[in-house]
Every structure is written in C-alpha cells, then in structure tokens.
Amino acid sequence: MASSFFSIPDVYFGEEAIHTLRRLNHKKVGIVTDNFMATSGKTRYLINEMPQAAVSIFSDVKPDPSVEVLQAGAAQFKTFRPEVIIALGGGSSLDAAKGIKVTLEEFFPGHAIELIAIPTTSGSGSEVTAYAIISDPQNGRKYPLIADELVPDCAILDPHLVLSVPLQVAVDTGMDVLTHAIEALVSTDANDFSDALAEKAIALTWRSLPEVFRDEKNLQARSHMHNASCMAGMAFNSAGLGLVHGMAHAIGGMLHIPHGKINAMLLPLVIEHNAERSPRAATRYLTCAAIMGIRAATPQQTLDALVSGIRDLNRRFAIPATLKELGTDMAHFTSLRASLTAAALADGCTATNPYEPVPADVDGLLTRIAG
C-alpha cells in the first residue's frame, strides 16, 4: 500500500519570519483573529509589514469556533473578496480561518484564496494540518474536520508572538504538543517521515517546556516550543492521533475543559491502557521514554517511569490529575457518561489508536479520569 507525506505548507520560522508578509503589499488581505489580537496591537504588527495592502479584519472568533462564526466571517468577506486570508491566533482562530476560506471558495468557484497561518500559541499545530475542530454548542460536541483543502499554503512561526501568552495557557498548549507527538508516534499509520518529526518534537518539548515554565520570557525556549508544535502537527497530519484526542474532544466539548489541559490529564492513563493491550504500542512508548532520557531496569519499569514522569510534569504545571480535582460537576459528568463513550469511539482520531477500543475500555478510563 502506498503512503504519502505532504510537502506544503511553506514554513517560515525564526525572529524575522514575519518579514515574509512583505510580498502581500498591494493585495487584498483578510485577517481572521479574535478581539484580543485585534485590540492588543498584534494585527497592527502584521499590517506594518504590508502597508500598501488592502486589509479587512474579522475579529469575532471565540474559543471553540462554531459554524455560526464561520458563516459570519464568510459574510463579512464576501464583498471584500480577499486574495489572501491570514489566520492569526491560537487553534480556534486558525481553525475558523480554514472554515471561512473553504466557505468563500465554495461561494466563489474558481477564486482560490491563499491561506497563511500565524499561530500565537505553541500547541494546536493547526498551521500545518488538514484538521479543523468546529464546535456544536447546542449539543456540547466538538467535531474534527479533516480535508486536504484545510491545509494552509504558508505557516509563519514568529516566537515574539507567543511571549505574551499567559503561563498556564503556555503549559496547557505545550502538553498538547507532547500529546500530539506521542500519539503520532504510536499511531497505526505512523511512518518513517512522521516518526522523525514526532521524535524531534518530543525531545524539544520535554526539554523546552519546563524552561518556559521557569522563565516565560525565554525567547529561545519559546522558539523551540513553537517549532515543536509545528513538527508535531506535521507528524499527526500524516500519521493520525489516538484515543487521548478522541476522549479529549468528547470530554472537553461536553464539559468545557481547555483542550490542552484535558489531553494532559488523559495522556498518562491512555499510555498505561494502550501499553497493556498492544505490544507494538509498548515498544513505541519505550522509544518515547528513551528520547526523554527515562530508563529503568526493565521495560515495564521504564513504562511506569514514563507515566510517572508525565504525571510529575502535570503536577508541576498545576494541571489536575482528575475531573474531581479540576472542580467538575460530577453529577453532570455521570449523566453524560454514555454520550462521552459514544462520542470518543466515533471520533476520527480514535481510528488510529494502537488498538481498537470497545465501550468498556472508554468507560473504564472515564472512571479513572473522574477520580
């Protein structure tokens, strides 16, 4: 069976990467972002690089963008007809921009729009993936959309844009990077190319995220995390993810928990669970441990040390171990258990988990994450 690895987007990184926008002078540029980015000077930071461009800013993106947000953005841009859309912000802004872009292209057949993604958090990897997470607030669900048309044409990784990210957000999203990389490495669709990127992303994150936690203004550590996020995104775009993300989309969507945080909480539990049921997954997790410099006398002790190491990191970052510790309404959680199980099993990310889970597996993990 043939496998493939994409060669887009073009990725520009480093302290002067933002100068890439100078080629957009004299073009019609739509910027998709949130209100904070628009009012804090971040959009002006972009516009200063292309002073002769015609610019329209849609700044109504909210966390976990819904179909209504996509429709509102497309409605604003229909008369403007941008040649380029710049997505500026965290995963929500990037995902919204992807949806707005394809909505406009459906409305204007033959009018291809260039999509440039400029992430301001180091976490989602959305700047290099064919994924977008769109929410359905009425039903408390998050749906991963997967289509080649959603891959941006260009990604700009500017470490200056992440320096203002609050520390708790930085560590939550950083743990999302680690989860992306580990799940890509153990995925059933892992390949030599995705492995190379996942392994480097694990190494960079394990070393650099604690450095960001110690000094959130450490530009070099922030830059390494920004690059790791992009690499992990490329890895899972090729290899897929697993049960951590399948469950995180369900739990995060229904209980309104930040995506990176619930991933971090689930990661050690799912590593234990997968390793017990899949010898191949156990071997791959041992590779993760080796990359992190975790070694013990036996393979099982090494796996135990890997899980303990991730739990210790979560504890250091003030990420709770259980939903009870997080302050979740446990009666509400109990009422949702059947829906959570069904949503996790139906999630597209669960399809490439190292082994195929059944309802009892997910229910057991829900018991453990509940606390």
Foldseek 3Di string as FASTA:
>chain_A
DDADADDDAAEAEDACLLLVLLVCAPFEEEEFEAPCCVPVCVVVVNCVSHVRYHYDYDHHFDPQAAVVLLVVLLVVCLVSLGQEYEQEEAQRSLLSSLSNQVVNCVVVPPRHHAYEYEYLALADLQQAAQWHWHADLVVLAIAIDGDPSSHHNYYYYHLVSNLPPDLLRNLLRLLNLLQLLLQLLLFQQADPQLVVLSLQLLLLSLPLSVVCNVPVNPSVSSSSSNSSSNSSSSSCNRRFGALLQLLLRLCCRNQVDDSSLSSLLLVLVVLVVLVVPFVSSLVSVLVSLVSSVQDDDDSVVSNVVSSVVSVVSCVVSVRDNAVVVVVTPVVSVVVCLVVSLVSSLPHPRNVGHNDRDDSVSSSVSNVRRHD
